[in-house]
Protein backbone atom coordinates (compact mmCIF):
# COMPACT_ATOMS: atom_id res chain seq x y z
CA MET A 1 11.48 23.27 -24.25
CA HIS A 2 9.05 20.47 -23.41
CA ILE A 3 8.80 19.39 -19.76
CA ARG A 4 7.53 15.89 -19.23
CA ARG A 5 5.53 15.41 -16.07
CA ASP A 6 5.52 12.13 -14.20
CA HIS A 7 1.78 11.58 -13.94
CA ARG A 8 2.28 8.13 -12.41
CA GLY A 9 4.11 9.56 -9.39
CA GLY A 10 1.33 12.05 -8.81
CA LEU A 11 -1.29 9.36 -9.25
CA GLY A 12 0.56 7.11 -6.83
CA ARG A 13 0.75 9.84 -4.20
CA ARG A 14 -2.95 10.63 -4.60
CA GLY A 15 -3.77 6.93 -4.39
CA GLU A 16 -1.74 6.50 -1.21
CA ALA A 17 -3.44 9.54 0.33
CA ALA A 18 -6.84 8.05 -0.58
CA ALA A 19 -5.77 4.72 0.92
CA VAL A 20 -4.79 6.46 4.17
CA ASP A 21 -8.18 8.20 4.27
CA TYR A 22 -9.91 4.85 3.67
CA LEU A 23 -7.96 3.13 6.48
CA ARG A 24 -8.67 5.99 8.89
CA ARG A 25 -12.39 5.69 8.11
CA LEU A 26 -12.07 2.04 9.17
CA GLY A 27 -10.75 3.33 12.51
CA TRP A 28 -7.16 2.26 11.88
CA THR A 29 -4.14 4.19 13.12
CA ILE A 30 -1.51 5.08 10.54
CA ILE A 31 1.91 4.25 12.00
CA GLU A 32 4.15 5.09 9.04
CA ARG A 33 4.05 6.04 5.38
CA ASN A 34 6.71 5.30 2.80
CA TRP A 35 9.06 3.46 5.18
CA ARG A 36 12.29 2.66 3.38
CA CYS A 37 15.20 0.34 3.89
CA ARG A 38 17.82 -1.22 1.61
CA GLY A 39 15.33 -3.84 0.45
CA GLY A 40 12.65 -1.43 -0.71
CA GLU A 41 9.69 0.53 0.56
CA ILE A 42 6.50 -0.15 2.48
CA ASP A 43 3.70 2.18 1.40
CA ILE A 44 1.74 2.21 4.68
CA VAL A 45 2.10 0.58 8.09
CA ALA A 46 -1.11 0.78 10.10
CA TYR A 47 -2.60 -0.68 13.26
CA ASP A 48 -6.12 -2.09 12.98
CA GLY A 49 -6.70 -2.32 16.73
CA HIS A 50 -5.42 -5.90 16.94
CA ARG A 51 -2.27 -6.12 14.86
CA HIS A 52 0.12 -4.19 12.67
CA VAL A 53 -0.72 -4.24 8.98
CA VAL A 54 1.70 -3.61 6.14
CA CYS A 55 -0.32 -2.14 3.27
CA GLU A 56 0.80 -2.18 -0.33
CA VAL A 57 -1.08 0.34 -2.45
CA LYS A 58 -1.56 -0.13 -6.20
CA THR A 59 -3.30 2.72 -8.02
CA ARG A 60 -4.55 2.85 -11.61
CA THR A 61 -6.41 5.44 -13.64
CA SER A 62 -8.71 2.68 -14.91
CA ALA A 63 -9.01 -1.09 -15.03
CA THR A 64 -8.53 -1.08 -18.81
CA TYR A 65 -5.19 -2.87 -18.53
CA GLY A 66 -6.18 -5.09 -15.62
CA ASP A 67 -7.03 -4.86 -11.97
CA PRO A 68 -4.37 -3.15 -9.84
CA LEU A 69 -4.26 -6.19 -7.55
CA GLU A 70 -2.94 -8.25 -10.46
CA ALA A 71 0.36 -6.37 -10.02
CA ILE A 72 1.12 -8.45 -6.92
CA THR A 73 3.29 -11.22 -8.31
CA ALA A 74 4.89 -14.01 -6.31
CA ALA A 75 8.15 -12.04 -6.34
CA LYS A 76 6.40 -8.90 -5.08
CA ALA A 77 4.66 -10.90 -2.33
CA ALA A 78 8.00 -12.35 -1.21
CA ARG A 79 9.52 -8.86 -1.16
CA LEU A 80 6.61 -7.57 0.93
CA ARG A 81 7.14 -10.41 3.44
CA ARG A 82 10.86 -9.56 3.70
CA LEU A 83 10.13 -5.85 4.13
CA ALA A 84 7.48 -6.57 6.79
CA GLY A 85 10.02 -8.66 8.67
CA ARG A 86 12.61 -5.90 8.49
CA TRP A 87 10.12 -3.29 9.67
CA ALA A 88 9.07 -5.56 12.55
CA ALA A 89 12.67 -6.18 13.63
CA GLN A 90 13.48 -2.47 13.56
CA HIS A 91 10.38 -1.59 15.60
CA GLY A 92 10.43 -4.41 18.15
CA VAL A 93 7.27 -6.03 16.80
CA SER A 94 6.90 -9.77 16.37
CA ALA A 95 6.86 -10.56 12.65
CA ALA A 96 4.21 -13.19 13.40
CA GLN A 97 1.89 -10.37 14.48
CA ILE A 98 2.06 -8.52 11.16
CA ARG A 99 -0.49 -8.94 8.41
CA ILE A 100 0.06 -7.89 4.80
CA ASP A 101 -2.85 -6.31 2.94
CA VAL A 102 -3.09 -4.90 -0.56
CA LEU A 103 -5.29 -1.97 -1.51
CA GLY A 104 -6.13 -1.66 -5.19
CA LEU A 105 -7.42 1.76 -6.14
CA VAL A 106 -9.01 2.72 -9.44
CA CYS A 107 -9.83 6.32 -10.22
CA ASP A 108 -13.61 6.66 -10.48
CA GLY A 109 -13.84 10.42 -10.83
CA PRO A 110 -11.86 13.59 -10.25
CA GLY A 111 -9.94 12.96 -7.03
CA THR A 112 -12.00 9.92 -6.03
CA PHE A 113 -11.06 6.27 -6.05
CA ALA A 114 -12.81 2.94 -5.74
CA VAL A 115 -10.92 0.82 -3.19
CA ASP A 116 -10.55 -2.96 -3.30
CA HIS A 117 -9.05 -4.13 0.00
CA CYS A 118 -7.58 -7.63 0.11
CA ARG A 119 -6.49 -8.81 3.54
CA GLU A 120 -3.72 -11.28 4.39
CA VAL A 121 -2.53 -11.62 0.83
CA CYS A 122 0.85 -13.09 1.72
């Protein structure tokens, strides 16, 4: 019997963990990870010392098929805005005080990632 492993799920989890480490090195506080509601999931909600930041994490094994940040389409950006609004409403935070960032991670060695951090993407 052949068991197929979902390498993407593992890669995604490792990428999110690396993104959390990166944000903590910036001095940010991680508020939540993998927050879910009917409309979808927010990878990371953090606080940068001034405002809450919804962080979408895109992880790739290489940039062969494009930069991970290219995965943020107009539809994805709109969904992130809706999710940020829902998170804000549920947590008593003004939606106007939330920023949306995207972290693109590309594996650059065993267990290490290069991070491209784009702020206020939508």
